């Protein structure tokens, strides 16, 4: 799978660590957005 991603993106040094970090950063971004939405909802009540 990594080889496929490397060729599709043109990055030949893509490692499992980079893929994992990218995934975690996206998950963190989603968690922050969800937290903000919940906080805003609670503040409005």
N, C-alpha and C. Protein backbone atom coordinates (compact mmCIF):
# COMPACT_ATOMS: atom_id res chain seq x y z
N UNK A 1 0.83 -1.20 0.00
CA UNK A 1 0.00 0.00 0.00
C UNK A 1 0.87 1.26 0.00
N UNK A 2 1.92 1.26 0.80
CA UNK A 2 2.80 2.42 0.83
C UNK A 2 3.41 2.71 -0.53
N UNK A 3 3.81 1.66 -1.21
CA UNK A 3 4.41 1.84 -2.53
C UNK A 3 3.42 2.51 -3.48
N UNK A 4 2.18 2.10 -3.41
CA UNK A 4 1.15 2.71 -4.25
C UNK A 4 1.00 4.19 -3.93
N UNK A 5 0.92 4.51 -2.64
CA UNK A 5 0.80 5.92 -2.23
C UNK A 5 2.02 6.73 -2.65
N UNK A 6 3.19 6.13 -2.50
CA UNK A 6 4.42 6.82 -2.89
C UNK A 6 4.39 7.19 -4.38
N UNK A 7 3.95 6.27 -5.19
CA UNK A 7 3.92 6.53 -6.63
C UNK A 7 2.82 7.52 -7.00
N UNK A 8 1.67 7.42 -6.33
CA UNK A 8 0.56 8.33 -6.63
C UNK A 8 0.89 9.77 -6.22
N UNK A 9 1.58 9.92 -5.10
CA UNK A 9 1.89 11.26 -4.60
C UNK A 9 3.23 11.77 -5.12
N UNK A 10 4.02 10.89 -5.69
CA UNK A 10 5.33 11.30 -6.18
C UNK A 10 6.36 11.37 -5.07
N UNK A 11 6.01 10.88 -3.88
CA UNK A 11 6.95 10.88 -2.76
C UNK A 11 7.51 9.48 -2.61
N UNK A 12 8.79 9.36 -2.81
CA UNK A 12 9.40 8.03 -2.76
C UNK A 12 9.99 7.72 -1.39
N UNK A 13 9.91 8.66 -0.45
CA UNK A 13 10.45 8.42 0.89
C UNK A 13 9.34 8.36 1.93
N UNK A 14 8.10 8.16 1.47
CA UNK A 14 6.97 8.08 2.38
C UNK A 14 7.13 6.84 3.27
N UNK A 15 7.07 7.05 4.57
CA UNK A 15 7.23 5.93 5.49
C UNK A 15 5.94 5.72 6.28
N UNK A 16 5.88 4.61 6.97
CA UNK A 16 4.73 4.32 7.82
C UNK A 16 4.54 5.40 8.88
N UNK A 17 5.66 5.92 9.40
CA UNK A 17 5.58 6.96 10.42
C UNK A 17 4.92 8.22 9.88
N UNK A 18 5.26 8.60 8.67
CA UNK A 18 4.69 9.80 8.06
C UNK A 18 3.19 9.60 7.84
N UNK A 19 2.82 8.43 7.37
CA UNK A 19 1.40 8.12 7.13
C UNK A 19 0.64 8.14 8.46
N UNK A 20 1.22 7.53 9.48
CA UNK A 20 0.57 7.50 10.79
C UNK A 20 0.43 8.91 11.36
N UNK A 21 1.47 9.73 11.23
CA UNK A 21 1.41 11.09 11.76
C UNK A 21 0.35 11.90 11.02
N UNK A 22 0.26 11.75 9.72
CA UNK A 22 -0.75 12.46 8.94
C UNK A 22 -2.15 12.05 9.39
N UNK A 23 -2.35 10.75 9.60
CA UNK A 23 -3.64 10.25 10.05
C UNK A 23 -3.99 10.81 11.43
N UNK A 24 -3.01 10.80 12.33
CA UNK A 24 -3.26 11.32 13.69
C UNK A 24 -3.55 12.82 13.68
N UNK A 25 -2.86 13.56 12.83
CA UNK A 25 -3.11 15.01 12.75
C UNK A 25 -4.52 15.28 12.25
N UNK A 26 -4.99 14.49 11.29
CA UNK A 26 -6.36 14.65 10.80
C UNK A 26 -7.37 14.31 11.89
N UNK A 27 -7.07 13.23 12.66
CA UNK A 27 -7.96 12.85 13.75
C UNK A 27 -8.00 13.94 14.82
N UNK A 28 -6.84 14.52 15.13
CA UNK A 28 -6.76 15.59 16.11
C UNK A 28 -7.56 16.79 15.65
N UNK A 29 -7.44 17.13 14.38
CA UNK A 29 -8.17 18.27 13.82
C UNK A 29 -9.68 18.04 13.94
N UNK A 30 -10.12 16.84 13.65
CA UNK A 30 -11.55 16.51 13.77
C UNK A 30 -12.00 16.58 15.23
N UNK A 31 -11.18 16.12 16.15
CA UNK A 31 -11.52 16.15 17.57
C UNK A 31 -11.63 17.59 18.07
N UNK A 32 -10.73 18.45 17.61
CA UNK A 32 -10.78 19.86 18.01
C UNK A 32 -12.04 20.51 17.47
N UNK A 33 -12.39 20.23 16.23
CA UNK A 33 -13.61 20.78 15.64
C UNK A 33 -14.85 20.31 16.41
N UNK A 34 -14.89 19.02 16.74
CA UNK A 34 -16.03 18.48 17.49
C UNK A 34 -16.12 19.13 18.87
N UNK A 35 -14.99 19.29 19.52
CA UNK A 35 -14.97 19.90 20.85
C UNK A 35 -15.50 21.33 20.78
N UNK A 36 -15.08 22.06 19.75
CA UNK A 36 -15.54 23.44 19.58
C UNK A 36 -17.05 23.49 19.35
N UNK A 37 -17.57 22.59 18.54
CA UNK A 37 -19.01 22.56 18.28
C UNK A 37 -19.79 22.25 19.55
N UNK A 38 -19.31 21.29 20.32
CA UNK A 38 -20.00 20.92 21.57
C UNK A 38 -19.94 22.08 22.56
N UNK A 39 -18.79 22.71 22.68
CA UNK A 39 -18.64 23.84 23.60
C UNK A 39 -19.56 24.98 23.20
N UNK A 40 -19.62 25.28 21.93
CA UNK A 40 -20.51 26.35 21.46
C UNK A 40 -21.97 26.01 21.72
N UNK A 41 -22.33 24.75 21.54
CA UNK A 41 -23.70 24.31 21.79
C UNK A 41 -24.07 24.49 23.26
N UNK A 42 -23.16 24.06 24.15
CA UNK A 42 -23.41 24.16 25.59
C UNK A 42 -23.51 25.62 26.02
N UNK A 43 -22.65 26.47 25.47
CA UNK A 43 -22.65 27.88 25.84
C UNK A 43 -23.95 28.58 25.43
N UNK A 44 -24.55 28.12 24.34
CA UNK A 44 -25.79 28.71 23.86
C UNK A 44 -26.99 28.31 24.69
N UNK A 45 -26.89 27.23 25.41
CA UNK A 45 -28.03 26.71 26.21
C UNK A 45 -28.16 27.45 27.51
